[in-house]
mmCIF file of all heavy atoms, coordinates in Angstrom:
data_MODEL
# 
_entry.id   MODEL 
# 
loop_
_atom_site.group_PDB 
_atom_site.id 
_atom_site.type_symbol 
_atom_site.label_atom_id 
_atom_site.label_alt_id 
_atom_site.label_comp_id 
_atom_site.label_asym_id 
_atom_site.label_entity_id 
_atom_site.label_seq_id 
_atom_site.pdbx_PDB_ins_code 
_atom_site.Cartn_x 
_atom_site.Cartn_y 
_atom_site.Cartn_z 
_atom_site.occupancy 
_atom_site.B_iso_or_equiv 
_atom_site.pdbx_formal_charge 
_atom_site.auth_seq_id 
_atom_site.auth_comp_id 
_atom_site.auth_asym_id 
_atom_site.auth_atom_id 
_atom_site.pdbx_PDB_model_num 
ATOM 1   N N   . VAL A 1 1  ? 0.026  10.608  14.505  1.00 0.00 ? 1  VAL A N   1 
ATOM 2   C CA  . VAL A 1 1  ? 0.653  10.253  13.234  1.00 0.00 ? 1  VAL A CA  1 
ATOM 3   C C   . VAL A 1 1  ? 0.304  8.816   12.850  1.00 0.00 ? 1  VAL A C   1 
ATOM 4   O O   . VAL A 1 1  ? 0.224  8.490   11.658  1.00 0.00 ? 1  VAL A O   1 
ATOM 5   C CB  . VAL A 1 1  ? 2.185  10.461  13.305  1.00 0.00 ? 1  VAL A CB  1 
ATOM 6   C CG1 . VAL A 1 1  ? 2.885  9.949   12.066  1.00 0.00 ? 1  VAL A CG1 1 
ATOM 7   C CG2 . VAL A 1 1  ? 2.501  11.937  13.532  1.00 0.00 ? 1  VAL A CG2 1 
ATOM 8   N N   . ALA A 1 2  ? 0.053  7.973   13.821  1.00 0.00 ? 2  ALA A N   1 
ATOM 9   C CA  . ALA A 1 2  ? -0.322 6.580   13.538  1.00 0.00 ? 2  ALA A CA  1 
ATOM 10  C C   . ALA A 1 2  ? -1.522 6.507   12.593  1.00 0.00 ? 2  ALA A C   1 
ATOM 11  O O   . ALA A 1 2  ? -1.658 5.532   11.846  1.00 0.00 ? 2  ALA A O   1 
ATOM 12  C CB  . ALA A 1 2  ? -0.621 5.839   14.837  1.00 0.00 ? 2  ALA A CB  1 
ATOM 13  N N   . ALA A 1 3  ? -2.357 7.525   12.585  1.00 0.00 ? 3  ALA A N   1 
ATOM 14  C CA  . ALA A 1 3  ? -3.532 7.530   11.699  1.00 0.00 ? 3  ALA A CA  1 
ATOM 15  C C   . ALA A 1 3  ? -3.165 7.787   10.241  1.00 0.00 ? 3  ALA A C   1 
ATOM 16  O O   . ALA A 1 3  ? -3.992 7.597   9.359   1.00 0.00 ? 3  ALA A O   1 
ATOM 17  C CB  . ALA A 1 3  ? -4.546 8.570   12.176  1.00 0.00 ? 3  ALA A CB  1 
ATOM 18  N N   . PHE A 1 4  ? -1.925 8.189   9.971   1.00 0.00 ? 4  PHE A N   1 
ATOM 19  C CA  . PHE A 1 4  ? -1.480 8.372   8.588   1.00 0.00 ? 4  PHE A CA  1 
ATOM 20  C C   . PHE A 1 4  ? -1.274 7.019   7.905   1.00 0.00 ? 4  PHE A C   1 
ATOM 21  O O   . PHE A 1 4  ? -1.455 6.873   6.700   1.00 0.00 ? 4  PHE A O   1 
ATOM 22  C CB  . PHE A 1 4  ? -0.136 9.101   8.514   1.00 0.00 ? 4  PHE A CB  1 
ATOM 23  C CG  . PHE A 1 4  ? -0.111 10.527  8.984   1.00 0.00 ? 4  PHE A CG  1 
ATOM 24  C CD1 . PHE A 1 4  ? -1.147 11.128  9.665   1.00 0.00 ? 4  PHE A CD1 1 
ATOM 25  C CD2 . PHE A 1 4  ? 1.026  11.286  8.752   1.00 0.00 ? 4  PHE A CD2 1 
ATOM 26  C CE1 . PHE A 1 4  ? -1.079 12.438  10.102  1.00 0.00 ? 4  PHE A CE1 1 
ATOM 27  C CE2 . PHE A 1 4  ? 1.108  12.602  9.171   1.00 0.00 ? 4  PHE A CE2 1 
ATOM 28  C CZ  . PHE A 1 4  ? 0.061  13.179  9.851   1.00 0.00 ? 4  PHE A CZ  1 
ATOM 29  N N   . TYR A 1 5  ? -0.843 6.025   8.689   1.00 0.00 ? 5  TYR A N   1 
ATOM 30  C CA  . TYR A 1 5  ? -0.343 4.775   8.118   1.00 0.00 ? 5  TYR A CA  1 
ATOM 31  C C   . TYR A 1 5  ? -1.368 3.920   7.381   1.00 0.00 ? 5  TYR A C   1 
ATOM 32  O O   . TYR A 1 5  ? -1.012 3.317   6.356   1.00 0.00 ? 5  TYR A O   1 
ATOM 33  C CB  . TYR A 1 5  ? 0.406  3.971   9.183   1.00 0.00 ? 5  TYR A CB  1 
ATOM 34  C CG  . TYR A 1 5  ? 1.715  4.632   9.524   1.00 0.00 ? 5  TYR A CG  1 
ATOM 35  C CD1 . TYR A 1 5  ? 1.817  5.499   10.605  1.00 0.00 ? 5  TYR A CD1 1 
ATOM 36  C CD2 . TYR A 1 5  ? 2.835  4.439   8.723   1.00 0.00 ? 5  TYR A CD2 1 
ATOM 37  C CE1 . TYR A 1 5  ? 3.012  6.136   10.898  1.00 0.00 ? 5  TYR A CE1 1 
ATOM 38  C CE2 . TYR A 1 5  ? 4.029  5.068   9.014   1.00 0.00 ? 5  TYR A CE2 1 
ATOM 39  C CZ  . TYR A 1 5  ? 4.118  5.924   10.098  1.00 0.00 ? 5  TYR A CZ  1 
ATOM 40  O OH  . TYR A 1 5  ? 5.299  6.562   10.371  1.00 0.00 ? 5  TYR A OH  1 
ATOM 41  N N   . PRO A 1 6  ? -2.605 3.817   7.825   1.00 0.00 ? 6  PRO A N   1 
ATOM 42  C CA  . PRO A 1 6  ? -3.532 2.989   7.031   1.00 0.00 ? 6  PRO A CA  1 
ATOM 43  C C   . PRO A 1 6  ? -3.652 3.457   5.580   1.00 0.00 ? 6  PRO A C   1 
ATOM 44  O O   . PRO A 1 6  ? -3.625 2.637   4.653   1.00 0.00 ? 6  PRO A O   1 
ATOM 45  C CB  . PRO A 1 6  ? -4.861 3.114   7.789   1.00 0.00 ? 6  PRO A CB  1 
ATOM 46  C CG  . PRO A 1 6  ? -4.460 3.394   9.193   1.00 0.00 ? 6  PRO A CG  1 
ATOM 47  C CD  . PRO A 1 6  ? -3.232 4.270   9.074   1.00 0.00 ? 6  PRO A CD  1 
ATOM 48  N N   . SER A 1 7  ? -3.742 4.755   5.375   1.00 0.00 ? 7  SER A N   1 
ATOM 49  C CA  . SER A 1 7  ? -3.845 5.291   4.022   1.00 0.00 ? 7  SER A CA  1 
ATOM 50  C C   . SER A 1 7  ? -2.547 5.097   3.247   1.00 0.00 ? 7  SER A C   1 
ATOM 51  O O   . SER A 1 7  ? -2.562 4.726   2.067   1.00 0.00 ? 7  SER A O   1 
ATOM 52  C CB  . SER A 1 7  ? -4.209 6.773   4.079   1.00 0.00 ? 7  SER A CB  1 
ATOM 53  O OG  . SER A 1 7  ? -4.254 7.337   2.791   1.00 0.00 ? 7  SER A OG  1 
ATOM 54  N N   . LEU A 1 8  ? -1.422 5.340   3.900   1.00 0.00 ? 8  LEU A N   1 
ATOM 55  C CA  . LEU A 1 8  ? -0.136 5.177   3.223   1.00 0.00 ? 8  LEU A CA  1 
ATOM 56  C C   . LEU A 1 8  ? 0.062  3.728   2.784   1.00 0.00 ? 8  LEU A C   1 
ATOM 57  O O   . LEU A 1 8  ? 0.492  3.462   1.656   1.00 0.00 ? 8  LEU A O   1 
ATOM 58  C CB  . LEU A 1 8  ? 0.997  5.631   4.145   1.00 0.00 ? 8  LEU A CB  1 
ATOM 59  C CG  . LEU A 1 8  ? 1.006  7.126   4.490   1.00 0.00 ? 8  LEU A CG  1 
ATOM 60  C CD1 . LEU A 1 8  ? 2.003  7.406   5.605   1.00 0.00 ? 8  LEU A CD1 1 
ATOM 61  C CD2 . LEU A 1 8  ? 1.282  7.975   3.270   1.00 0.00 ? 8  LEU A CD2 1 
ATOM 62  N N   . HIS A 1 9  ? -0.265 2.781   3.661   1.00 0.00 ? 9  HIS A N   1 
ATOM 63  C CA  . HIS A 1 9  ? -0.110 1.366   3.304   1.00 0.00 ? 9  HIS A CA  1 
ATOM 64  C C   . HIS A 1 9  ? -1.155 0.933   2.273   1.00 0.00 ? 9  HIS A C   1 
ATOM 65  O O   . HIS A 1 9  ? -0.865 0.090   1.415   1.00 0.00 ? 9  HIS A O   1 
ATOM 66  C CB  . HIS A 1 9  ? -0.163 0.487   4.550   1.00 0.00 ? 9  HIS A CB  1 
ATOM 67  C CG  . HIS A 1 9  ? 1.074  0.602   5.380   1.00 0.00 ? 9  HIS A CG  1 
ATOM 68  N ND1 . HIS A 1 9  ? 2.323  0.239   4.920   1.00 0.00 ? 9  HIS A ND1 1 
ATOM 69  C CD2 . HIS A 1 9  ? 1.264  1.071   6.640   1.00 0.00 ? 9  HIS A CD2 1 
ATOM 70  C CE1 . HIS A 1 9  ? 3.215  0.466   5.865   1.00 0.00 ? 9  HIS A CE1 1 
ATOM 71  N NE2 . HIS A 1 9  ? 2.605  0.970   6.914   1.00 0.00 ? 9  HIS A NE2 1 
ATOM 72  N N   . LEU A 1 10 ? -2.349 1.493   2.335   1.00 0.00 ? 10 LEU A N   1 
ATOM 73  C CA  . LEU A 1 10 ? -3.360 1.212   1.307   1.00 0.00 ? 10 LEU A CA  1 
ATOM 74  C C   . LEU A 1 10 ? -2.825 1.599   -0.064  1.00 0.00 ? 10 LEU A C   1 
ATOM 75  O O   . LEU A 1 10 ? -2.906 0.832   -1.022  1.00 0.00 ? 10 LEU A O   1 
ATOM 76  C CB  . LEU A 1 10 ? -4.654 1.966   1.612   1.00 0.00 ? 10 LEU A CB  1 
ATOM 77  C CG  . LEU A 1 10 ? -5.714 2.009   0.509   1.00 0.00 ? 10 LEU A CG  1 
ATOM 78  C CD1 . LEU A 1 10 ? -6.166 0.607   0.118   1.00 0.00 ? 10 LEU A CD1 1 
ATOM 79  C CD2 . LEU A 1 10 ? -6.890 2.867   0.960   1.00 0.00 ? 10 LEU A CD2 1 
ATOM 80  N N   . ASN A 1 11 ? -2.272 2.790   -0.156  1.00 0.00 ? 11 ASN A N   1 
ATOM 81  C CA  . ASN A 1 11 ? -1.746 3.249   -1.442  1.00 0.00 ? 11 ASN A CA  1 
ATOM 82  C C   . ASN A 1 11 ? -0.614 2.365   -1.929  1.00 0.00 ? 11 ASN A C   1 
ATOM 83  O O   . ASN A 1 11 ? -0.558 2.014   -3.115  1.00 0.00 ? 11 ASN A O   1 
ATOM 84  C CB  . ASN A 1 11 ? -1.264 4.692   -1.328  1.00 0.00 ? 11 ASN A CB  1 
ATOM 85  C CG  . ASN A 1 11 ? -2.399 5.646   -1.118  1.00 0.00 ? 11 ASN A CG  1 
ATOM 86  O OD1 . ASN A 1 11 ? -3.556 5.268   -1.128  1.00 0.00 ? 11 ASN A OD1 1 
ATOM 87  N ND2 . ASN A 1 11 ? -2.068 6.904   -0.888  1.00 0.00 ? 11 ASN A ND2 1 
ATOM 88  N N   . LEU A 1 12 ? 0.287  2.022   -1.017  1.00 0.00 ? 12 LEU A N   1 
ATOM 89  C CA  . LEU A 1 12 ? 1.398  1.165   -1.415  1.00 0.00 ? 12 LEU A CA  1 
ATOM 90  C C   . LEU A 1 12 ? 0.910  -0.218  -1.823  1.00 0.00 ? 12 LEU A C   1 
ATOM 91  O O   . LEU A 1 12 ? 1.366  -0.782  -2.826  1.00 0.00 ? 12 LEU A O   1 
ATOM 92  C CB  . LEU A 1 12 ? 2.427  1.073   -0.286  1.00 0.00 ? 12 LEU A CB  1 
ATOM 93  C CG  . LEU A 1 12 ? 3.350  2.289   -0.224  1.00 0.00 ? 12 LEU A CG  1 
ATOM 94  C CD1 . LEU A 1 12 ? 4.005  2.400   1.138   1.00 0.00 ? 12 LEU A CD1 1 
ATOM 95  C CD2 . LEU A 1 12 ? 4.390  2.218   -1.330  1.00 0.00 ? 12 LEU A CD2 1 
ATOM 96  N N   . GLY A 1 13 ? -0.025 -0.779  -1.069  1.00 0.00 ? 13 GLY A N   1 
ATOM 97  C CA  . GLY A 1 13 ? -0.564 -2.086  -1.437  1.00 0.00 ? 13 GLY A CA  1 
ATOM 98  C C   . GLY A 1 13 ? -1.210 -2.059  -2.803  1.00 0.00 ? 13 GLY A C   1 
ATOM 99  O O   . GLY A 1 13 ? -1.027 -2.977  -3.615  1.00 0.00 ? 13 GLY A O   1 
ATOM 100 N N   . ASP A 1 14 ? -1.943 -0.997  -3.089  1.00 0.00 ? 14 ASP A N   1 
ATOM 101 C CA  . ASP A 1 14 ? -2.624 -0.904  -4.378  1.00 0.00 ? 14 ASP A CA  1 
ATOM 102 C C   . ASP A 1 14 ? -1.637 -0.742  -5.533  1.00 0.00 ? 14 ASP A C   1 
ATOM 103 O O   . ASP A 1 14 ? -1.777 -1.391  -6.563  1.00 0.00 ? 14 ASP A O   1 
ATOM 104 C CB  . ASP A 1 14 ? -3.631 0.242   -4.369  1.00 0.00 ? 14 ASP A CB  1 
ATOM 105 C CG  . ASP A 1 14 ? -4.418 0.271   -5.658  1.00 0.00 ? 14 ASP A CG  1 
ATOM 106 O OD1 . ASP A 1 14 ? -5.089 -0.728  -5.976  1.00 0.00 ? 14 ASP A OD1 1 
ATOM 107 O OD2 . ASP A 1 14 ? -4.341 1.298   -6.374  1.00 0.00 ? 14 ASP A OD2 1 
ATOM 108 N N   . VAL A 1 15 ? -0.619 0.098   -5.353  1.00 0.00 ? 15 VAL A N   1 
ATOM 109 C CA  . VAL A 1 15 ? 0.316  0.293   -6.466  1.00 0.00 ? 15 VAL A CA  1 
ATOM 110 C C   . VAL A 1 15 ? 1.166  -0.959  -6.674  1.00 0.00 ? 15 VAL A C   1 
ATOM 111 O O   . VAL A 1 15 ? 1.439  -1.348  -7.825  1.00 0.00 ? 15 VAL A O   1 
ATOM 112 C CB  . VAL A 1 15 ? 1.168  1.571   -6.302  1.00 0.00 ? 15 VAL A CB  1 
ATOM 113 C CG1 . VAL A 1 15 ? 2.239  1.435   -5.251  1.00 0.00 ? 15 VAL A CG1 1 
ATOM 114 C CG2 . VAL A 1 15 ? 1.777  1.983   -7.646  1.00 0.00 ? 15 VAL A CG2 1 
ATOM 115 N N   . TYR A 1 16 ? 1.561  -1.633  -5.609  1.00 0.00 ? 16 TYR A N   1 
ATOM 116 C CA  . TYR A 1 16 ? 2.289  -2.896  -5.781  1.00 0.00 ? 16 TYR A CA  1 
ATOM 117 C C   . TYR A 1 16 ? 1.402  -3.922  -6.489  1.00 0.00 ? 16 TYR A C   1 
ATOM 118 O O   . TYR A 1 16 ? 1.877  -4.695  -7.332  1.00 0.00 ? 16 TYR A O   1 
ATOM 119 C CB  . TYR A 1 16 ? 2.773  -3.450  -4.447  1.00 0.00 ? 16 TYR A CB  1 
ATOM 120 C CG  . TYR A 1 16 ? 4.078  -2.851  -3.972  1.00 0.00 ? 16 TYR A CG  1 
ATOM 121 C CD1 . TYR A 1 16 ? 4.182  -2.254  -2.717  1.00 0.00 ? 16 TYR A CD1 1 
ATOM 122 C CD2 . TYR A 1 16 ? 5.223  -2.900  -4.770  1.00 0.00 ? 16 TYR A CD2 1 
ATOM 123 C CE1 . TYR A 1 16 ? 5.382  -1.727  -2.272  1.00 0.00 ? 16 TYR A CE1 1 
ATOM 124 C CE2 . TYR A 1 16 ? 6.437  -2.363  -4.339  1.00 0.00 ? 16 TYR A CE2 1 
ATOM 125 C CZ  . TYR A 1 16 ? 6.501  -1.781  -3.090  1.00 0.00 ? 16 TYR A CZ  1 
ATOM 126 O OH  . TYR A 1 16 ? 7.698  -1.256  -2.652  1.00 0.00 ? 16 TYR A OH  1 
ATOM 127 N N   . ARG A 1 17 ? 0.118  -3.943  -6.173  1.00 0.00 ? 17 ARG A N   1 
ATOM 128 C CA  . ARG A 1 17 ? -0.815 -4.857  -6.844  1.00 0.00 ? 17 ARG A CA  1 
ATOM 129 C C   . ARG A 1 17 ? -0.839 -4.567  -8.340  1.00 0.00 ? 17 ARG A C   1 
ATOM 130 O O   . ARG A 1 17 ? -0.735 -5.468  -9.170  1.00 0.00 ? 17 ARG A O   1 
ATOM 131 C CB  . ARG A 1 17 ? -2.224 -4.710  -6.252  1.00 0.00 ? 17 ARG A CB  1 
ATOM 132 C CG  . ARG A 1 17 ? -3.273 -5.614  -6.930  1.00 0.00 ? 17 ARG A CG  1 
ATOM 133 C CD  . ARG A 1 17 ? -4.681 -5.232  -6.502  1.00 0.00 ? 17 ARG A CD  1 
ATOM 134 N NE  . ARG A 1 17 ? -5.043 -3.878  -6.878  1.00 0.00 ? 17 ARG A NE  1 
ATOM 135 C CZ  . ARG A 1 17 ? -5.432 -3.496  -8.100  1.00 0.00 ? 17 ARG A CZ  1 
ATOM 136 N NH1 . ARG A 1 17 ? -5.507 -4.365  -9.082  1.00 0.00 ? 17 ARG A NH1 1 
ATOM 137 N NH2 . ARG A 1 17 ? -5.748 -2.239  -8.340  1.00 0.00 ? 17 ARG A NH2 1 
ATOM 138 N N   . ARG A 1 18 ? -0.962 -3.296  -8.688  1.00 0.00 ? 18 ARG A N   1 
ATOM 139 C CA  . ARG A 1 18 ? -1.024 -2.928  -10.106 1.00 0.00 ? 18 ARG A CA  1 
ATOM 140 C C   . ARG A 1 18 ? 0.284  -3.211  -10.823 1.00 0.00 ? 18 ARG A C   1 
ATOM 141 O O   . ARG A 1 18 ? 0.295  -3.442  -12.027 1.00 0.00 ? 18 ARG A O   1 
ATOM 142 C CB  . ARG A 1 18 ? -1.424 -1.463  -10.253 1.00 0.00 ? 18 ARG A CB  1 
ATOM 143 C CG  . ARG A 1 18 ? -2.895 -1.264  -9.930  1.00 0.00 ? 18 ARG A CG  1 
ATOM 144 C CD  . ARG A 1 18 ? -3.371 0.165   -10.149 1.00 0.00 ? 18 ARG A CD  1 
ATOM 145 N NE  . ARG A 1 18 ? -2.976 0.981   -9.015  1.00 0.00 ? 18 ARG A NE  1 
ATOM 146 C CZ  . ARG A 1 18 ? -2.235 2.090   -9.083  1.00 0.00 ? 18 ARG A CZ  1 
ATOM 147 N NH1 . ARG A 1 18 ? -1.823 2.550   -10.243 1.00 0.00 ? 18 ARG A NH1 1 
ATOM 148 N NH2 . ARG A 1 18 ? -1.922 2.758   -7.998  1.00 0.00 ? 18 ARG A NH2 1 
ATOM 149 N N   . LEU A 1 19 ? 1.393  -3.202  -10.090 1.00 0.00 ? 19 LEU A N   1 
ATOM 150 C CA  . LEU A 1 19 ? 2.695  -3.522  -10.678 1.00 0.00 ? 19 LEU A CA  1 
ATOM 151 C C   . LEU A 1 19 ? 2.950  -5.028  -10.713 1.00 0.00 ? 19 LEU A C   1 
ATOM 152 O O   . LEU A 1 19 ? 3.969  -5.465  -11.238 1.00 0.00 ? 19 LEU A O   1 
ATOM 153 C CB  . LEU A 1 19 ? 3.818  -2.813  -9.906  1.00 0.00 ? 19 LEU A CB  1 
ATOM 154 C CG  . LEU A 1 19 ? 3.880  -1.302  -10.096 1.00 0.00 ? 19 LEU A CG  1 
ATOM 155 C CD1 . LEU A 1 19 ? 4.813  -0.668  -9.086  1.00 0.00 ? 19 LEU A CD1 1 
ATOM 156 C CD2 . LEU A 1 19 ? 4.288  -0.963  -11.529 1.00 0.00 ? 19 LEU A CD2 1 
ATOM 157 N N   . GLY A 1 20 ? 2.034  -5.803  -10.149 1.00 0.00 ? 20 GLY A N   1 
ATOM 158 C CA  . GLY A 1 20 ? 2.169  -7.257  -10.178 1.00 0.00 ? 20 GLY A CA  1 
ATOM 159 C C   . GLY A 1 20 ? 3.001  -7.839  -9.054  1.00 0.00 ? 20 GLY A C   1 
ATOM 160 O O   . GLY A 1 20 ? 3.271  -9.043  -9.044  1.00 0.00 ? 20 GLY A O   1 
ATOM 161 N N   . ASP A 1 21 ? 3.411  -7.031  -8.089  1.00 0.00 ? 21 ASP A N   1 
ATOM 162 C CA  . ASP A 1 21 ? 4.191  -7.512  -6.942  1.00 0.00 ? 21 ASP A CA  1 
ATOM 163 C C   . ASP A 1 21 ? 3.214  -7.827  -5.809  1.00 0.00 ? 21 ASP A C   1 
ATOM 164 O O   . ASP A 1 21 ? 3.030  -7.046  -4.870  1.00 0.00 ? 21 ASP A O   1 
ATOM 165 C CB  . ASP A 1 21 ? 5.220  -6.464  -6.524  1.00 0.00 ? 21 ASP A CB  1 
ATOM 166 C CG  . ASP A 1 21 ? 6.214  -6.983  -5.502  1.00 0.00 ? 21 ASP A CG  1 
ATOM 167 O OD1 . ASP A 1 21 ? 5.915  -7.995  -4.826  1.00 0.00 ? 21 ASP A OD1 1 
ATOM 168 O OD2 . ASP A 1 21 ? 7.289  -6.368  -5.374  1.00 0.00 ? 21 ASP A OD2 1 
ATOM 169 N N   . LEU A 1 22 ? 2.573  -8.976  -5.925  1.00 0.00 ? 22 LEU A N   1 
ATOM 170 C CA  . LEU A 1 22 ? 1.482  -9.316  -5.006  1.00 0.00 ? 22 LEU A CA  1 
ATOM 171 C C   . LEU A 1 22 ? 1.964  -9.597  -3.594  1.00 0.00 ? 22 LEU A C   1 
ATOM 172 O O   . LEU A 1 22 ? 1.223  -9.349  -2.636  1.00 0.00 ? 22 LEU A O   1 
ATOM 173 C CB  . LEU A 1 22 ? 0.683  -10.484 -5.565  1.00 0.00 ? 22 LEU A CB  1 
ATOM 174 C CG  . LEU A 1 22 ? 0.059  -10.232 -6.949  1.00 0.00 ? 22 LEU A CG  1 
ATOM 175 C CD1 . LEU A 1 22 ? -0.811 -11.408 -7.365  1.00 0.00 ? 22 LEU A CD1 1 
ATOM 176 C CD2 . LEU A 1 22 ? -0.708 -8.927  -6.984  1.00 0.00 ? 22 LEU A CD2 1 
ATOM 177 N N   . ASP A 1 23 ? 3.184  -10.080 -3.423  1.00 0.00 ? 23 ASP A N   1 
ATOM 178 C CA  . ASP A 1 23 ? 3.698  -10.305 -2.069  1.00 0.00 ? 23 ASP A CA  1 
ATOM 179 C C   . ASP A 1 23 ? 3.838  -8.981  -1.320  1.00 0.00 ? 23 ASP A C   1 
ATOM 180 O O   . ASP A 1 23 ? 3.400  -8.859  -0.170  1.00 0.00 ? 23 ASP A O   1 
ATOM 181 C CB  . ASP A 1 23 ? 5.043  -11.037 -2.104  1.00 0.00 ? 23 ASP A CB  1 
ATOM 182 C CG  . ASP A 1 23 ? 4.905  -12.489 -2.517  1.00 0.00 ? 23 ASP A CG  1 
ATOM 183 O OD1 . ASP A 1 23 ? 3.801  -13.066 -2.352  1.00 0.00 ? 23 ASP A OD1 1 
ATOM 184 O OD2 . ASP A 1 23 ? 5.899  -13.054 -3.016  1.00 0.00 ? 23 ASP A OD2 1 
ATOM 185 N N   . ARG A 1 24 ? 4.420  -7.986  -1.970  1.00 0.00 ? 24 ARG A N   1 
ATOM 186 C CA  . ARG A 1 24 ? 4.543  -6.667  -1.323  1.00 0.00 ? 24 ARG A CA  1 
ATOM 187 C C   . ARG A 1 24 ? 3.166  -6.036  -1.144  1.00 0.00 ? 24 ARG A C   1 
ATOM 188 O O   . ARG A 1 24 ? 2.922  -5.357  -0.141  1.00 0.00 ? 24 ARG A O   1 
ATOM 189 C CB  . ARG A 1 24 ? 5.459  -5.759  -2.124  1.00 0.00 ? 24 ARG A CB  1 
ATOM 190 C CG  . ARG A 1 24 ? 6.910  -6.093  -1.920  1.00 0.00 ? 24 ARG A CG  1 
ATOM 191 C CD  . ARG A 1 24 ? 7.797  -4.993  -2.451  1.00 0.00 ? 24 ARG A CD  1 
ATOM 192 N NE  . ARG A 1 24 ? 9.172  -5.310  -2.153  1.00 0.00 ? 24 ARG A NE  1 
ATOM 193 C CZ  . ARG A 1 24 ? 10.171 -5.148  -3.007  1.00 0.00 ? 24 ARG A CZ  1 
ATOM 194 N NH1 . ARG A 1 24 ? 9.943  -4.639  -4.206  1.00 0.00 ? 24 ARG A NH1 1 
ATOM 195 N NH2 . ARG A 1 24 ? 11.395 -5.453  -2.665  1.00 0.00 ? 24 ARG A NH2 1 
# 
């Protein structure tokens, strides 16, 4: 399951970036 996390965090990082929440 640990292999799920890089993709999940990539998606979250990208959507937070697009929302302007650069710290998250």
